[in-house]
Amino acid sequence: MSVNSLQTSMSAIRANQFRLDVSANNVANVNTSEFRASEVAATDAAYVNSIGAGVRIAATYASPRQGPATIDAAAGATSQGTLEQSNTDLVTEMTNQMNSRNAYTANIAAGRTQMDVSQTLLDLVG
């Protein structure tokens, strides 16, 4: 059992924790005018480092979707008085959170299994 297998699980755990953090920020700002929801782009770390395993966050970027326009009551019903609402889609965010939570849980289980196998091998040698 190599250390690389544990690094793979840990990189996925970190990436999914980051996805959960980004999604939580999007949900927290659902009622913030002109807020652009962030999206996460991840990549396979095989192309990034010499380990050749794992996941890394490549970038976060503001979603290109526009939010619905609302009338700013203080400015009146003129075209200058419109504001763009947040473009956060709660259904998408809940789906992202469930996917990240499930992946997070699966990678914790994989890491535990890897540690159990390593311990068993050490017990056999010792």
N, C-alpha and C. Protein backbone atom coordinates (compact mmCIF):
# COMPACT_ATOMS: atom_id res chain seq x y z
N MET A 1 0.86 -1.17 0.00
CA MET A 1 0.00 0.00 0.00
C MET A 1 0.90 1.22 0.00
N SER A 2 0.72 2.08 -0.96
CA SER A 2 1.60 3.23 -1.07
C SER A 2 0.97 4.47 -0.45
N VAL A 3 1.83 5.43 -0.22
CA VAL A 3 1.38 6.72 0.30
C VAL A 3 0.55 7.45 -0.75
N ASN A 4 0.81 7.18 -2.03
CA ASN A 4 0.07 7.84 -3.09
C ASN A 4 -1.43 7.58 -3.01
N SER A 5 -1.82 6.38 -2.59
CA SER A 5 -3.24 6.09 -2.50
C SER A 5 -3.91 6.94 -1.42
N LEU A 6 -3.21 7.17 -0.32
CA LEU A 6 -3.76 8.06 0.71
C LEU A 6 -3.79 9.50 0.22
N GLN A 7 -2.78 9.91 -0.53
CA GLN A 7 -2.76 11.27 -1.08
C GLN A 7 -3.91 11.49 -2.05
N THR A 8 -4.25 10.46 -2.80
CA THR A 8 -5.38 10.56 -3.73
C THR A 8 -6.67 10.82 -2.98
N SER A 9 -6.91 10.05 -1.93
CA SER A 9 -8.12 10.25 -1.12
C SER A 9 -8.11 11.62 -0.46
N MET A 10 -6.98 12.02 0.09
CA MET A 10 -6.91 13.32 0.77
C MET A 10 -7.11 14.48 -0.20
N SER A 11 -6.58 14.37 -1.42
CA SER A 11 -6.78 15.46 -2.38
C SER A 11 -8.26 15.57 -2.77
N ALA A 12 -8.94 14.44 -2.88
CA ALA A 12 -10.37 14.46 -3.20
C ALA A 12 -11.18 15.01 -2.03
N ILE A 13 -10.78 14.68 -0.81
CA ILE A 13 -11.47 15.23 0.36
C ILE A 13 -11.32 16.75 0.40
N ARG A 14 -10.11 17.25 0.17
CA ARG A 14 -9.89 18.70 0.15
C ARG A 14 -10.68 19.37 -0.96
N ALA A 15 -10.71 18.76 -2.14
CA ALA A 15 -11.44 19.35 -3.27
C ALA A 15 -12.94 19.40 -2.97
N ASN A 16 -13.48 18.34 -2.38
CA ASN A 16 -14.91 18.34 -2.08
C ASN A 16 -15.25 19.28 -0.93
N GLN A 17 -14.35 19.45 0.02
CA GLN A 17 -14.57 20.44 1.07
C GLN A 17 -14.60 21.84 0.47
N PHE A 18 -13.72 22.10 -0.49
CA PHE A 18 -13.70 23.41 -1.16
C PHE A 18 -15.00 23.63 -1.93
N ARG A 19 -15.48 22.58 -2.62
CA ARG A 19 -16.76 22.70 -3.34
C ARG A 19 -17.90 23.02 -2.39
N LEU A 20 -17.92 22.37 -1.23
CA LEU A 20 -18.95 22.65 -0.23
C LEU A 20 -18.86 24.09 0.27
N ASP A 21 -17.64 24.58 0.48
CA ASP A 21 -17.46 25.96 0.94
C ASP A 21 -17.97 26.96 -0.10
N VAL A 22 -17.66 26.71 -1.36
CA VAL A 22 -18.12 27.61 -2.44
C VAL A 22 -19.64 27.59 -2.54
N SER A 23 -20.22 26.41 -2.46
CA SER A 23 -21.67 26.29 -2.53
C SER A 23 -22.34 26.99 -1.35
N ALA A 24 -21.78 26.83 -0.16
CA ALA A 24 -22.33 27.49 1.03
C ALA A 24 -22.28 29.00 0.87
N ASN A 25 -21.22 29.52 0.29
CA ASN A 25 -21.12 30.96 0.05
C ASN A 25 -22.20 31.41 -0.95
N ASN A 26 -22.42 30.60 -1.98
CA ASN A 26 -23.46 30.94 -2.96
C ASN A 26 -24.84 30.99 -2.30
N VAL A 27 -25.13 30.00 -1.48
CA VAL A 27 -26.43 29.96 -0.81
C VAL A 27 -26.57 31.13 0.17
N ALA A 28 -25.50 31.44 0.88
CA ALA A 28 -25.55 32.55 1.84
C ALA A 28 -25.83 33.89 1.15
N ASN A 29 -25.47 34.01 -0.11
CA ASN A 29 -25.65 35.26 -0.85
C ASN A 29 -26.82 35.22 -1.82
N VAL A 30 -27.74 34.29 -1.64
CA VAL A 30 -28.86 34.14 -2.57
C VAL A 30 -29.72 35.40 -2.64
N ASN A 31 -29.78 36.18 -1.58
CA ASN A 31 -30.58 37.40 -1.57
C ASN A 31 -29.76 38.67 -1.73
N THR A 32 -28.50 38.54 -2.12
CA THR A 32 -27.63 39.69 -2.32
C THR A 32 -27.74 40.17 -3.77
N SER A 33 -28.16 41.41 -3.94
CA SER A 33 -28.30 41.97 -5.29
C SER A 33 -26.97 41.94 -6.02
N GLU A 34 -27.02 41.62 -7.29
CA GLU A 34 -25.87 41.61 -8.20
C GLU A 34 -24.79 40.60 -7.83
N PHE A 35 -25.11 39.63 -6.96
CA PHE A 35 -24.15 38.59 -6.61
C PHE A 35 -24.09 37.58 -7.74
N ARG A 36 -22.90 37.21 -8.14
CA ARG A 36 -22.68 36.16 -9.14
C ARG A 36 -22.20 34.91 -8.43
N ALA A 37 -22.95 33.83 -8.58
CA ALA A 37 -22.57 32.57 -7.96
C ALA A 37 -21.24 32.09 -8.52
N SER A 38 -20.44 31.51 -7.66
CA SER A 38 -19.14 30.95 -8.08
C SER A 38 -19.32 29.50 -8.49
N GLU A 39 -18.51 29.08 -9.43
CA GLU A 39 -18.47 27.69 -9.85
C GLU A 39 -17.04 27.20 -9.73
N VAL A 40 -16.88 25.91 -9.51
CA VAL A 40 -15.56 25.32 -9.28
C VAL A 40 -15.17 24.46 -10.47
N ALA A 41 -13.95 24.62 -10.92
CA ALA A 41 -13.40 23.76 -11.97
C ALA A 41 -12.27 22.94 -11.35
N ALA A 42 -12.40 21.62 -11.41
CA ALA A 42 -11.37 20.73 -10.85
C ALA A 42 -10.69 20.01 -12.01
N THR A 43 -9.50 19.51 -11.73
CA THR A 43 -8.75 18.78 -12.75
C THR A 43 -8.09 17.58 -12.11
N ASP A 44 -7.76 16.60 -12.92
CA ASP A 44 -7.03 15.43 -12.47
C ASP A 44 -5.58 15.86 -12.20
N ALA A 45 -5.08 15.58 -11.02
CA ALA A 45 -3.73 16.00 -10.64
C ALA A 45 -2.64 15.23 -11.37
N ALA A 46 -3.00 14.20 -12.13
CA ALA A 46 -2.00 13.44 -12.86
C ALA A 46 -1.24 14.33 -13.84
N TYR A 47 -1.88 15.37 -14.30
CA TYR A 47 -1.24 16.28 -15.24
C TYR A 47 -0.52 17.43 -14.55
N VAL A 48 -0.64 17.49 -13.24
CA VAL A 48 -0.14 18.64 -12.51
C VAL A 48 1.13 18.35 -11.74
N ASN A 49 1.22 17.20 -11.12
CA ASN A 49 2.39 16.92 -10.28
C ASN A 49 3.01 15.57 -10.63
N SER A 50 4.11 15.30 -10.01
CA SER A 50 4.83 14.06 -10.32
C SER A 50 4.21 12.85 -9.64
N ILE A 51 3.28 13.07 -8.72
CA ILE A 51 2.64 11.94 -8.03
C ILE A 51 1.80 11.15 -9.02
N GLY A 52 1.08 11.87 -9.85
CA GLY A 52 0.24 11.21 -10.84
C GLY A 52 -1.08 10.72 -10.29
N ALA A 53 -1.53 11.28 -9.18
CA ALA A 53 -2.79 10.83 -8.61
C ALA A 53 -3.47 11.99 -7.88
N GLY A 54 -4.77 11.93 -7.85
CA GLY A 54 -5.50 12.89 -7.05
C GLY A 54 -6.27 13.91 -7.87
N VAL A 55 -6.79 14.88 -7.15
CA VAL A 55 -7.62 15.93 -7.72
C VAL A 55 -7.10 17.26 -7.21
N ARG A 56 -7.20 18.28 -8.01
CA ARG A 56 -6.88 19.62 -7.52
C ARG A 56 -7.89 20.59 -8.10
N ILE A 57 -8.12 21.67 -7.40
CA ILE A 57 -9.02 22.71 -7.88
C ILE A 57 -8.23 23.55 -8.88
N ALA A 58 -8.74 23.61 -10.11
CA ALA A 58 -8.05 24.37 -11.15
C ALA A 58 -8.38 25.85 -11.04
N ALA A 59 -9.66 26.17 -10.75
CA ALA A 59 -10.07 27.57 -10.68
C ALA A 59 -11.48 27.68 -10.13
N THR A 60 -11.80 28.86 -9.68
CA THR A 60 -13.18 29.20 -9.40
C THR A 60 -13.50 30.40 -10.28
N TYR A 61 -14.71 30.46 -10.73
CA TYR A 61 -15.09 31.57 -11.60
C TYR A 61 -16.54 31.94 -11.37
N ALA A 62 -16.87 33.18 -11.68
CA ALA A 62 -18.24 33.65 -11.53
C ALA A 62 -19.08 33.06 -12.65
N SER A 63 -20.24 32.58 -12.30
CA SER A 63 -21.15 32.00 -13.28
C SER A 63 -21.57 33.05 -14.30
N PRO A 64 -21.60 32.69 -15.57
CA PRO A 64 -22.00 33.67 -16.60
C PRO A 64 -23.50 33.91 -16.66
N ARG A 65 -24.30 33.10 -15.95
CA ARG A 65 -25.76 33.29 -15.96
C ARG A 65 -26.12 34.63 -15.35
N GLN A 66 -27.15 35.24 -15.90
CA GLN A 66 -27.64 36.48 -15.33
C GLN A 66 -28.76 36.18 -14.35
N GLY A 67 -28.85 37.00 -13.32
CA GLY A 67 -29.95 36.89 -12.37
C GLY A 67 -31.12 37.71 -12.88
N PRO A 68 -32.31 37.46 -12.33
CA PRO A 68 -33.48 38.23 -12.75
C PRO A 68 -33.37 39.69 -12.31
N ALA A 69 -33.96 40.58 -13.08
CA ALA A 69 -33.95 42.01 -12.76
C ALA A 69 -35.11 42.33 -11.82
N THR A 70 -34.85 43.23 -10.89
CA THR A 70 -35.90 43.71 -9.99
C THR A 70 -35.88 45.22 -9.98
N ILE A 71 -36.96 45.80 -9.51
CA ILE A 71 -37.06 47.26 -9.41
C ILE A 71 -36.56 47.67 -8.04
N ASP A 72 -35.67 48.63 -8.03
CA ASP A 72 -35.20 49.20 -6.77
C ASP A 72 -36.25 50.21 -6.32
N ALA A 73 -36.92 49.93 -5.21
CA ALA A 73 -38.02 50.78 -4.75
C ALA A 73 -37.55 52.20 -4.47
N ALA A 74 -36.33 52.37 -4.00
CA ALA A 74 -35.82 53.70 -3.69
C ALA A 74 -35.61 54.52 -4.95
N ALA A 75 -35.26 53.86 -6.05
CA ALA A 75 -34.97 54.59 -7.29
C ALA A 75 -36.21 54.77 -8.15
N GLY A 76 -37.26 54.05 -7.85
CA GLY A 76 -38.47 54.17 -8.65
C GLY A 76 -38.51 53.14 -9.76
N ALA A 77 -39.49 53.24 -10.63
CA ALA A 77 -39.72 52.24 -11.67
C ALA A 77 -39.06 52.62 -12.99
N THR A 78 -37.97 53.33 -12.94
CA THR A 78 -37.27 53.69 -14.18
C THR A 78 -36.26 52.61 -14.53
N SER A 79 -35.74 52.67 -15.74
CA SER A 79 -34.76 51.67 -16.15
C SER A 79 -33.47 51.79 -15.34
N GLN A 80 -33.19 53.01 -14.83
CA GLN A 80 -32.01 53.15 -13.99
C GLN A 80 -32.22 52.54 -12.61
N GLY A 81 -33.47 52.28 -12.25
CA GLY A 81 -33.78 51.74 -10.93
C GLY A 81 -33.83 50.23 -10.87
N THR A 82 -33.36 49.55 -11.91
CA THR A 82 -33.38 48.09 -11.87
C THR A 82 -32.06 47.55 -11.35
N LEU A 83 -32.18 46.48 -10.61
CA LEU A 83 -31.01 45.78 -10.09
C LEU A 83 -31.09 44.33 -10.52
N GLU A 84 -29.94 43.75 -10.72
CA GLU A 84 -29.90 42.32 -11.01
C GLU A 84 -29.85 41.57 -9.70
N GLN A 85 -30.74 40.60 -9.53
CA GLN A 85 -30.72 39.76 -8.34
C GLN A 85 -29.59 38.74 -8.47
N SER A 86 -29.33 38.07 -7.39
CA SER A 86 -28.33 37.00 -7.40
C SER A 86 -28.73 35.95 -8.44
N ASN A 87 -27.74 35.38 -9.10
CA ASN A 87 -28.01 34.33 -10.08
C ASN A 87 -27.87 32.94 -9.46
N THR A 88 -27.83 32.86 -8.14
CA THR A 88 -27.72 31.58 -7.44
C THR A 88 -28.98 30.76 -7.64
N ASP A 89 -28.82 29.54 -8.13
CA ASP A 89 -29.93 28.61 -8.31
C ASP A 89 -29.87 27.61 -7.15
N LEU A 90 -30.85 27.69 -6.25
CA LEU A 90 -30.82 26.85 -5.06
C LEU A 90 -30.90 25.36 -5.38
N VAL A 91 -31.61 24.98 -6.43
CA VAL A 91 -31.68 23.57 -6.81
C VAL A 91 -30.30 23.07 -7.23
N THR A 92 -29.60 23.85 -8.02
CA THR A 92 -28.25 23.48 -8.44
C THR A 92 -27.32 23.40 -7.24
N GLU A 93 -27.42 24.35 -6.33
CA GLU A 93 -26.55 24.35 -5.15
C GLU A 93 -26.82 23.15 -4.25
N MET A 94 -28.08 22.80 -4.06
CA MET A 94 -28.39 21.63 -3.24
C MET A 94 -27.87 20.35 -3.88
N THR A 95 -27.99 20.25 -5.20
CA THR A 95 -27.45 19.10 -5.92
C THR A 95 -25.94 19.04 -5.78
N ASN A 96 -25.27 20.19 -5.93
CA ASN A 96 -23.81 20.24 -5.77
C ASN A 96 -23.40 19.82 -4.37
N GLN A 97 -24.16 20.29 -3.37
CA GLN A 97 -23.82 19.94 -1.99
C GLN A 97 -23.99 18.45 -1.72
N MET A 98 -25.07 17.87 -2.25
CA MET A 98 -25.27 16.43 -2.05
C MET A 98 -24.18 15.62 -2.74
N ASN A 99 -23.82 16.00 -3.96
CA ASN A 99 -22.75 15.30 -4.68
C ASN A 99 -21.43 15.41 -3.95
N SER A 100 -21.10 16.60 -3.49
CA SER A 100 -19.84 16.81 -2.76
C SER A 100 -19.82 16.04 -1.45
N ARG A 101 -20.95 16.05 -0.73
CA ARG A 101 -21.02 15.32 0.54
C ARG A 101 -20.83 13.82 0.30
N ASN A 102 -21.47 13.28 -0.72
CA ASN A 102 -21.34 11.86 -1.02
C ASN A 102 -19.92 11.50 -1.43
N ALA A 103 -19.31 12.33 -2.26
CA ALA A 103 -17.92 12.09 -2.67
C ALA A 103 -16.98 12.21 -1.48
N TYR A 104 -17.22 13.18 -0.62
CA TYR A 104 -16.42 13.37 0.58
C TYR A 104 -16.48 12.12 1.46
N THR A 105 -17.70 11.63 1.70
CA THR A 105 -17.90 10.43 2.52
C THR A 105 -17.23 9.20 1.90
N ALA A 106 -17.37 9.06 0.58
CA ALA A 106 -16.76 7.91 -0.11
C ALA A 106 -15.24 7.95 0.00
N ASN A 107 -14.65 9.13 -0.10
CA ASN A 107 -13.19 9.23 -0.02
C ASN A 107 -12.69 9.03 1.40
N ILE A 108 -13.47 9.40 2.39
CA ILE A 108 -13.09 9.09 3.76
C ILE A 108 -13.09 7.58 3.97
N ALA A 109 -14.12 6.91 3.45
CA ALA A 109 -14.19 5.44 3.56
C ALA A 109 -13.02 4.79 2.83
N ALA A 110 -12.67 5.31 1.66
CA ALA A 110 -11.54 4.76 0.91
C ALA A 110 -10.24 4.96 1.67
N GLY A 111 -10.06 6.12 2.28
CA GLY A 111 -8.86 6.37 3.08
C GLY A 111 -8.77 5.45 4.27
N ARG A 112 -9.89 5.23 4.95
CA ARG A 112 -9.90 4.32 6.09
C ARG A 112 -9.56 2.90 5.66
N THR A 113 -10.10 2.47 4.53
CA THR A 113 -9.81 1.14 4.02
C THR A 113 -8.32 1.01 3.69
N GLN A 114 -7.76 2.02 3.09
CA GLN A 114 -6.33 2.01 2.76
C GLN A 114 -5.48 1.92 4.03
N MET A 115 -5.88 2.63 5.07
CA MET A 115 -5.14 2.57 6.33
C MET A 115 -5.29 1.20 6.99
N ASP A 116 -6.49 0.61 6.92
CA ASP A 116 -6.71 -0.73 7.48
C ASP A 116 -5.86 -1.78 6.76
N VAL A 117 -5.80 -1.69 5.43
CA VAL A 117 -4.98 -2.63 4.66
C VAL A 117 -3.51 -2.46 5.02
N SER A 118 -3.07 -1.22 5.15
CA SER A 118 -1.68 -0.97 5.54
C SER A 118 -1.39 -1.55 6.91
N GLN A 119 -2.31 -1.36 7.84
CA GLN A 119 -2.12 -1.91 9.19
C GLN A 119 -2.07 -3.43 9.17
N THR A 120 -2.91 -4.05 8.39
CA THR A 120 -2.91 -5.51 8.27
C THR A 120 -1.57 -5.99 7.71
N LEU A 121 -1.06 -5.30 6.70
CA LEU A 121 0.24 -5.68 6.14
C LEU A 121 1.35 -5.51 7.17
N LEU A 122 1.30 -4.45 7.94
CA LEU A 122 2.30 -4.26 8.98
C LEU A 122 2.20 -5.35 10.05
N ASP A 123 0.99 -5.74 10.39
CA ASP A 123 0.80 -6.81 11.38
C ASP A 123 1.37 -8.13 10.87
N LEU A 124 1.21 -8.39 9.58
CA LEU A 124 1.73 -9.63 9.00
C LEU A 124 3.26 -9.65 9.00
N VAL A 125 3.83 -8.49 8.73
CA VAL A 125 5.30 -8.39 8.68
C VAL A 125 5.88 -8.46 10.09
N GLY A 126 5.20 -7.82 11.04
CA GLY A 126 5.70 -7.73 12.41
C GLY A 126 5.42 -8.91 13.20
